[in-house]
Amino acid sequence: MDTNWMARGNCATRPPDTFFPSDGVGVEIAKRICEGCPVQEPCLEYALHHRIDHGVWGGCSERQRRRILRARRLATAA
């Protein structure tokens, strides 16, 4: 999977720990940084494809990504 998109993300100039928060407030801050990011979709797909369990990727928290994966599994099974 191509990762050249990573250098173009809103996160590229931010400290990485911003996207691995320890609380809900930190998650919301990270998600706001992701809003309008030009590479939000490939970022989210990368995290989903690689089953990344931690952090905010593509504007989604761990919980949101689990829900997306579950919905995709259910849609595929249907």
PDB file of N, CA and C in Angstrom:
ATOM      1  N   MET A   1       0.851  -1.181   0.000  1.00  0.00           N
ATOM      2  CA  MET A   1       0.000   0.000   0.000  1.00  0.00           C
ATOM      3  C   MET A   1       0.895   1.241   0.000  1.00  0.00           C
ATOM      4  N   ASP A   2       0.615   2.160  -0.891  1.00  0.00           N
ATOM      5  CA  ASP A   2       1.373   3.397  -1.031  1.00  0.00           C
ATOM      6  C   ASP A   2       1.186   4.278   0.202  1.00  0.00           C
ATOM      7  N   THR A   3       2.257   4.854   0.717  1.00  0.00           N
ATOM      8  CA  THR A   3       2.172   5.733   1.894  1.00  0.00           C
ATOM      9  C   THR A   3       2.692   7.143   1.605  1.00  0.00           C
ATOM     10  N   ASN A   4       2.871   7.492   0.343  1.00  0.00           N
ATOM     11  CA  ASN A   4       3.338   8.831  -0.005  1.00  0.00           C
ATOM     12  C   ASN A   4       2.382   9.920   0.478  1.00  0.00           C
ATOM     13  N   TRP A   5       1.125   9.590   0.629  1.00  0.00           N
ATOM     14  CA  TRP A   5       0.113  10.536   1.081  1.00  0.00           C
ATOM     15  C   TRP A   5       0.425  11.069   2.479  1.00  0.00           C
ATOM     16  N   MET A   6       1.139  10.296   3.278  1.00  0.00           N
ATOM     17  CA  MET A   6       1.393  10.687   4.675  1.00  0.00           C
ATOM     18  C   MET A   6       2.068  12.056   4.786  1.00  0.00           C
ATOM     19  N   ALA A   7       2.928  12.390   3.872  1.00  0.00           N
ATOM     20  CA  ALA A   7       3.644  13.664   3.921  1.00  0.00           C
ATOM     21  C   ALA A   7       2.739  14.853   3.619  1.00  0.00           C
ATOM     22  N   ARG A   8       1.560  14.596   3.053  1.00  0.00           N
ATOM     23  CA  ARG A   8       0.638  15.678   2.681  1.00  0.00           C
ATOM     24  C   ARG A   8      -0.480  15.892   3.701  1.00  0.00           C
ATOM     25  N   GLY A   9      -0.476  15.125   4.756  1.00  0.00           N
ATOM     26  CA  GLY A   9      -1.547  15.227   5.750  1.00  0.00           C
ATOM     27  C   GLY A   9      -1.414  16.433   6.658  1.00  0.00           C
ATOM     28  N   ASN A  10      -2.548  16.851   7.205  1.00  0.00           N
ATOM     29  CA  ASN A  10      -2.544  17.943   8.187  1.00  0.00           C
ATOM     30  C   ASN A  10      -1.678  17.595   9.388  1.00  0.00           C
ATOM     31  N   CYS A  11      -1.479  16.317   9.615  1.00  0.00           N
ATOM     32  CA  CYS A  11      -0.720  15.843  10.768  1.00  0.00           C
ATOM     33  C   CYS A  11       0.788  15.897  10.552  1.00  0.00           C
ATOM     34  N   ALA A  12       1.233  16.088   9.323  1.00  0.00           N
ATOM     35  CA  ALA A  12       2.657  15.985   8.994  1.00  0.00           C
ATOM     36  C   ALA A  12       3.525  16.965   9.784  1.00  0.00           C
ATOM     37  N   THR A  13       2.952  18.078  10.183  1.00  0.00           N
ATOM     38  CA  THR A  13       3.739  19.079  10.909  1.00  0.00           C
ATOM     39  C   THR A  13       3.404  19.111  12.402  1.00  0.00           C
ATOM     40  N   ARG A  14       2.665  18.134  12.850  1.00  0.00           N
ATOM     41  CA  ARG A  14       2.264  18.063  14.264  1.00  0.00           C
ATOM     42  C   ARG A  14       3.037  16.961  14.977  1.00  0.00           C
ATOM     43  N   PRO A  15       3.184  17.094  16.285  1.00  0.00           N
ATOM     44  CA  PRO A  15       3.829  16.007  17.034  1.00  0.00           C
ATOM     45  C   PRO A  15       2.979  14.738  16.962  1.00  0.00           C
ATOM     46  N   PRO A  16       3.585  13.589  16.715  1.00  0.00           N
ATOM     47  CA  PRO A  16       2.818  12.337  16.597  1.00  0.00           C
ATOM     48  C   PRO A  16       1.949  12.037  17.811  1.00  0.00           C
ATOM     49  N   ASP A  17       2.413  12.398  19.008  1.00  0.00           N
ATOM     50  CA  ASP A  17       1.618  12.075  20.199  1.00  0.00           C
ATOM     51  C   ASP A  17       0.278  12.791  20.224  1.00  0.00           C
ATOM     52  N   THR A  18       0.110  13.830  19.405  1.00  0.00           N
ATOM     53  CA  THR A  18      -1.182  14.516  19.287  1.00  0.00           C
ATOM     54  C   THR A  18      -2.253  13.542  18.818  1.00  0.00           C
ATOM     55  N   PHE A  19      -1.860  12.566  18.000  1.00  0.00           N
ATOM     56  CA  PHE A  19      -2.816  11.637  17.398  1.00  0.00           C
ATOM     57  C   PHE A  19      -2.924  10.317  18.148  1.00  0.00           C
ATOM     58  N   PHE A  20      -2.272  10.264  19.293  1.00  0.00           N
ATOM     59  CA  PHE A  20      -2.352   9.098  20.178  1.00  0.00           C
ATOM     60  C   PHE A  20      -2.683   9.579  21.582  1.00  0.00           C
ATOM     61  N   PRO A  21      -3.850  10.240  21.709  1.00  0.00           N
ATOM     62  CA  PRO A  21      -4.231  10.858  22.983  1.00  0.00           C
ATOM     63  C   PRO A  21      -4.631   9.823  24.034  1.00  0.00           C
ATOM     64  N   SER A  22      -4.583  10.283  25.276  1.00  0.00           N
ATOM     65  CA  SER A  22      -4.947   9.392  26.383  1.00  0.00           C
ATOM     66  C   SER A  22      -6.336   9.683  26.924  1.00  0.00           C
ATOM     67  N   ASP A  23      -7.016  10.676  26.349  1.00  0.00           N
ATOM     68  CA  ASP A  23      -8.353  11.003  26.836  1.00  0.00           C
ATOM     69  C   ASP A  23      -9.241  11.486  25.695  1.00  0.00           C
ATOM     70  N   GLY A  24     -10.513  11.626  26.008  1.00  0.00           N
ATOM     71  CA  GLY A  24     -11.496  12.040  25.009  1.00  0.00           C
ATOM     72  C   GLY A  24     -11.264  13.429  24.465  1.00  0.00           C
ATOM     73  N   VAL A  25     -10.766  14.324  25.303  1.00  0.00           N
ATOM     74  CA  VAL A  25     -10.480  15.686  24.839  1.00  0.00           C
ATOM     75  C   VAL A  25      -9.392  15.638  23.776  1.00  0.00           C
ATOM     76  N   GLY A  26      -8.361  14.838  24.018  1.00  0.00           N
ATOM     77  CA  GLY A  26      -7.287  14.697  23.045  1.00  0.00           C
ATOM     78  C   GLY A  26      -7.764  14.110  21.736  1.00  0.00           C
ATOM     79  N   VAL A  27      -8.699  13.176  21.814  1.00  0.00           N
ATOM     80  CA  VAL A  27      -9.271  12.579  20.603  1.00  0.00           C
ATOM     81  C   VAL A  27      -9.982  13.653  19.791  1.00  0.00           C
ATOM     82  N   GLU A  28     -10.761  14.483  20.454  1.00  0.00           N
ATOM     83  CA  GLU A  28     -11.486  15.544  19.744  1.00  0.00           C
ATOM     84  C   GLU A  28     -10.534  16.551  19.112  1.00  0.00           C
ATOM     85  N   ILE A  29      -9.447  16.871  19.782  1.00  0.00           N
ATOM     86  CA  ILE A  29      -8.449  17.794  19.222  1.00  0.00           C
ATOM     87  C   ILE A  29      -7.843  17.183  17.961  1.00  0.00           C
ATOM     88  N   ALA A  30      -7.455  15.919  18.035  1.00  0.00           N
ATOM     89  CA  ALA A  30      -6.869  15.244  16.878  1.00  0.00           C
ATOM     90  C   ALA A  30      -7.866  15.183  15.721  1.00  0.00           C
ATOM     91  N   LYS A  31      -9.112  14.873  16.020  1.00  0.00           N
ATOM     92  CA  LYS A  31     -10.127  14.777  14.975  1.00  0.00           C
ATOM     93  C   LYS A  31     -10.337  16.121  14.297  1.00  0.00           C
ATOM     94  N   ARG A  32     -10.250  17.212  15.054  1.00  0.00           N
ATOM     95  CA  ARG A  32     -10.394  18.552  14.459  1.00  0.00           C
ATOM     96  C   ARG A  32      -9.254  18.850  13.497  1.00  0.00           C
ATOM     97  N   ILE A  33      -8.058  18.392  13.825  1.00  0.00           N
ATOM     98  CA  ILE A  33      -6.917  18.579  12.928  1.00  0.00           C
ATOM     99  C   ILE A  33      -7.160  17.821  11.625  1.00  0.00           C
ATOM    100  N   CYS A  34      -7.786  16.670  11.714  1.00  0.00           N
ATOM    101  CA  CYS A  34      -8.063  15.846  10.537  1.00  0.00           C
ATOM    102  C   CYS A  34      -9.146  16.438   9.638  1.00  0.00           C
ATOM    103  N   GLU A  35     -10.007  17.274  10.187  1.00  0.00           N
ATOM    104  CA  GLU A  35     -11.098  17.845   9.390  1.00  0.00           C
ATOM    105  C   GLU A  35     -10.529  18.604   8.198  1.00  0.00           C
ATOM    106  N   GLY A  36     -11.014  18.289   7.038  1.00  0.00           N
ATOM    107  CA  GLY A  36     -10.595  18.968   5.820  1.00  0.00           C
ATOM    108  C   GLY A  36      -9.222  18.551   5.323  1.00  0.00           C
ATOM    109  N   CYS A  37      -8.640  17.533   5.918  1.00  0.00           N
ATOM    110  CA  CYS A  37      -7.328  17.060   5.491  1.00  0.00           C
ATOM    111  C   CYS A  37      -7.439  16.484   4.083  1.00  0.00           C
ATOM    112  N   PRO A  38      -6.500  16.823   3.203  1.00  0.00           N
ATOM    113  CA  PRO A  38      -6.581  16.328   1.827  1.00  0.00           C
ATOM    114  C   PRO A  38      -6.341  14.831   1.689  1.00  0.00           C
ATOM    115  N   VAL A  39      -5.809  14.203   2.728  1.00  0.00           N
ATOM    116  CA  VAL A  39      -5.533  12.761   2.639  1.00  0.00           C
ATOM    117  C   VAL A  39      -6.298  11.976   3.709  1.00  0.00           C
ATOM    118  N   GLN A  40      -7.403  12.515   4.154  1.00  0.00           N
ATOM    119  CA  GLN A  40      -8.180  11.866   5.204  1.00  0.00           C
ATOM    120  C   GLN A  40      -8.649  10.465   4.796  1.00  0.00           C
ATOM    121  N   GLU A  41      -9.117  10.311   3.584  1.00  0.00           N
ATOM    122  CA  GLU A  41      -9.626   9.007   3.143  1.00  0.00           C
ATOM    123  C   GLU A  41      -8.532   7.940   3.064  1.00  0.00           C
ATOM    124  N   PRO A  42      -7.399   8.219   2.395  1.00  0.00           N
ATOM    125  CA  PRO A  42      -6.366   7.180   2.370  1.00  0.00           C
ATOM    126  C   PRO A  42      -5.799   6.885   3.762  1.00  0.00           C
ATOM    127  N   CYS A  43      -5.780   7.869   4.623  1.00  0.00           N
ATOM    128  CA  CYS A  43      -5.319   7.668   5.996  1.00  0.00           C
ATOM    129  C   CYS A  43      -6.233   6.693   6.730  1.00  0.00           C
ATOM    130  N   LEU A  44      -7.522   6.904   6.626  1.00  0.00           N
ATOM    131  CA  LEU A  44      -8.485   6.018   7.269  1.00  0.00           C
ATOM    132  C   LEU A  44      -8.393   4.615   6.685  1.00  0.00           C
ATOM    133  N   GLU A  45      -8.327   4.517   5.372  1.00  0.00           N
ATOM    134  CA  GLU A  45      -8.237   3.195   4.735  1.00  0.00           C
ATOM    135  C   GLU A  45      -6.959   2.463   5.132  1.00  0.00           C
ATOM    136  N   TYR A  46      -5.872   3.195   5.284  1.00  0.00           N
ATOM    137  CA  TYR A  46      -4.609   2.595   5.731  1.00  0.00           C
ATOM    138  C   TYR A  46      -4.789   1.980   7.113  1.00  0.00           C
ATOM    139  N   ALA A  47      -5.385   2.739   8.024  1.00  0.00           N
ATOM    140  CA  ALA A  47      -5.602   2.249   9.390  1.00  0.00           C
ATOM    141  C   ALA A  47      -6.538   1.047   9.408  1.00  0.00           C
ATOM    142  N   LEU A  48      -7.565   1.078   8.584  1.00  0.00           N
ATOM    143  CA  LEU A  48      -8.504  -0.043   8.526  1.00  0.00           C
ATOM    144  C   LEU A  48      -7.826  -1.279   7.933  1.00  0.00           C
ATOM    145  N   HIS A  49      -7.101  -1.087   6.857  1.00  0.00           N
ATOM    146  CA  HIS A  49      -6.433  -2.199   6.178  1.00  0.00           C
ATOM    147  C   HIS A  49      -5.406  -2.880   7.092  1.00  0.00           C
ATOM    148  N   HIS A  50      -4.674  -2.070   7.847  1.00  0.00           N
ATOM    149  CA  HIS A  50      -3.627  -2.598   8.718  1.00  0.00           C
ATOM    150  C   HIS A  50      -4.112  -2.885  10.134  1.00  0.00           C
ATOM    151  N   ARG A  51      -5.417  -2.712  10.354  1.00  0.00           N
ATOM    152  CA  ARG A  51      -6.026  -2.989  11.664  1.00  0.00           C
ATOM    153  C   ARG A  51      -5.296  -2.269  12.795  1.00  0.00           C
ATOM    154  N   ILE A  52      -5.005  -0.982  12.583  1.00  0.00           N
ATOM    155  CA  ILE A  52      -4.321  -0.190  13.601  1.00  0.00           C
ATOM    156  C   ILE A  52      -5.298   0.082  14.735  1.00  0.00           C
ATOM    157  N   ASP A  53      -4.920  -0.337  15.916  1.00  0.00           N
ATOM    158  CA  ASP A  53      -5.814  -0.275  17.074  1.00  0.00           C
ATOM    159  C   ASP A  53      -5.737   1.017  17.870  1.00  0.00           C
ATOM    160  N   HIS A  54      -4.688   1.779  17.702  1.00  0.00           N
ATOM    161  CA  HIS A  54      -4.492   2.948  18.556  1.00  0.00           C
ATOM    162  C   HIS A  54      -4.417   4.234  17.745  1.00  0.00           C
ATOM    163  N   GLY A  55      -4.862   5.295  18.362  1.00  0.00           N
ATOM    164  CA  GLY A  55      -4.732   6.612  17.764  1.00  0.00           C
ATOM    165  C   GLY A  55      -5.896   7.035  16.891  1.00  0.00           C
ATOM    166  N   VAL A  56      -5.789   8.258  16.424  1.00  0.00           N
ATOM    167  CA  VAL A  56      -6.777   8.840  15.510  1.00  0.00           C
ATOM    168  C   VAL A  56      -6.177   8.792  14.116  1.00  0.00           C
ATOM    169  N   TRP A  57      -6.863   8.143  13.211  1.00  0.00           N
ATOM    170  CA  TRP A  57      -6.436   8.002  11.818  1.00  0.00           C
ATOM    171  C   TRP A  57      -7.613   8.362  10.929  1.00  0.00           C
ATOM    172  N   GLY A  58      -7.365   9.203   9.940  1.00  0.00           N
ATOM    173  CA  GLY A  58      -8.430   9.579   9.016  1.00  0.00           C
ATOM    174  C   GLY A  58      -9.608  10.231   9.703  1.00  0.00           C
ATOM    175  N   GLY A  59      -9.348  10.872  10.827  1.00  0.00           N
ATOM    176  CA  GLY A  59     -10.418  11.551  11.555  1.00  0.00           C
ATOM    177  C   GLY A  59     -11.282  10.635  12.394  1.00  0.00           C
ATOM    178  N   CYS A  60     -10.871   9.374  12.554  1.00  0.00           N
ATOM    179  CA  CYS A  60     -11.670   8.405  13.314  1.00  0.00           C
ATOM    180  C   CYS A  60     -10.887   7.846  14.496  1.00  0.00           C
ATOM    181  N   SER A  61     -11.590   7.692  15.594  1.00  0.00           N
ATOM    182  CA  SER A  61     -11.004   7.093  16.789  1.00  0.00           C
ATOM    183  C   SER A  61     -10.955   5.580  16.629  1.00  0.00           C
ATOM    184  N   GLU A  62     -10.338   4.916  17.597  1.00  0.00           N
ATOM    185  CA  GLU A  62     -10.281   3.454  17.581  1.00  0.00           C
ATOM    186  C   GLU A  62     -11.691   2.863  17.539  1.00  0.00           C
ATOM    187  N   ARG A  63     -12.562   3.386  18.369  1.00  0.00           N
ATOM    188  CA  ARG A  63     -13.940   2.884  18.440  1.00  0.00           C
ATOM    189  C   ARG A  63     -14.655   3.064  17.108  1.00  0.00           C
ATOM    190  N   GLN A  64     -14.492   4.216  16.487  1.00  0.00           N
ATOM    191  CA  GLN A  64     -15.144   4.457  15.202  1.00  0.00           C
ATOM    192  C   GLN A  64     -14.629   3.497  14.126  1.00  0.00           C
ATOM    193  N   ARG A  65     -13.331   3.229  14.141  1.00  0.00           N
ATOM    194  CA  ARG A  65     -12.776   2.308  13.150  1.00  0.00           C
ATOM    195  C   ARG A  65     -13.292   0.892  13.371  1.00  0.00           C
ATOM    196  N   ARG A  66     -13.425   0.488  14.627  1.00  0.00           N
ATOM    197  CA  ARG A  66     -13.993  -0.839  14.898  1.00  0.00           C
ATOM    198  C   ARG A  66     -15.409  -0.929  14.355  1.00  0.00           C
ATOM    199  N   ARG A  67     -16.190   0.124  14.523  1.00  0.00           N
ATOM    200  CA  ARG A  67     -17.566   0.138  14.006  1.00  0.00           C
ATOM    201  C   ARG A  67     -17.585   0.048  12.485  1.00  0.00           C
ATOM    202  N   ILE A  68     -16.686   0.770  11.833  1.00  0.00           N
ATOM    203  CA  ILE A  68     -16.608   0.733  10.371  1.00  0.00           C
ATOM    204  C   ILE A  68     -16.283  -0.672   9.904  1.00  0.00           C
ATOM    205  N   LEU A  69     -15.288  -1.298  10.538  1.00  0.00           N
ATOM    206  CA  LEU A  69     -14.907  -2.656  10.149  1.00  0.00           C
ATOM    207  C   LEU A  69     -16.048  -3.643  10.373  1.00  0.00           C
ATOM    208  N   ARG A  70     -16.741  -3.497  11.489  1.00  0.00           N
ATOM    209  CA  ARG A  70     -17.877  -4.378  11.770  1.00  0.00           C
ATOM    210  C   ARG A  70     -18.964  -4.191  10.724  1.00  0.00           C
ATOM    211  N   ALA A  71     -19.271  -2.945  10.380  1.00  0.00           N
ATOM    212  CA  ALA A  71     -20.305  -2.676   9.370  1.00  0.00           C
ATOM    213  C   ALA A  71     -19.904  -3.244   8.012  1.00  0.00           C
ATOM    214  N   ARG A  72     -18.650  -3.139   7.676  1.00  0.00           N
ATOM    215  CA  ARG A  72     -18.180  -3.696   6.398  1.00  0.00           C
ATOM    216  C   ARG A  72     -18.292  -5.221   6.399  1.00  0.00           C
ATOM    217  N   ARG A  73     -17.929  -5.849   7.508  1.00  0.00           N
ATOM    218  CA  ARG A  73     -18.055  -7.320   7.590  1.00  0.00           C
ATOM    219  C   ARG A  73     -19.506  -7.744   7.432  1.00  0.00           C
ATOM    220  N   LEU A  74     -20.399  -7.044   8.102  1.00  0.00           N
ATOM    221  CA  LEU A  74     -21.820  -7.370   8.018  1.00  0.00           C
ATOM    222  C   LEU A  74     -22.357  -7.158   6.600  1.00  0.00           C
ATOM    223  N   ALA A  75     -21.910  -6.096   5.960  1.00  0.00           N
ATOM    224  CA  ALA A  75     -22.356  -5.822   4.583  1.00  0.00           C
ATOM    225  C   ALA A  75     -21.852  -6.887   3.640  1.00  0.00           C
ATOM    226  N   THR A  76     -20.650  -7.359   3.851  1.00  0.00           N
ATOM    227  CA  THR A  76     -20.069  -8.391   2.997  1.00  0.00           C
ATOM    228  C   THR A  76     -20.813  -9.720   3.215  1.00  0.00           C
ATOM    229  N   ALA A  77     -21.171  -9.986   4.453  1.00  0.00           N
ATOM    230  CA  ALA A  77     -21.856 -11.243   4.779  1.00  0.00           C
ATOM    231  C   ALA A  77     -23.297 -11.264   4.265  1.00  0.00           C
ATOM    232  N   ALA A  78     -23.872 -10.109   4.096  1.00  0.00           N
ATOM    233  CA  ALA A  78     -25.282 -10.022   3.673  1.00  0.00           C
ATOM    234  C   ALA A  78     -25.479 -10.272   2.196  1.00  0.00           C
TER     235      ALA A  78
END
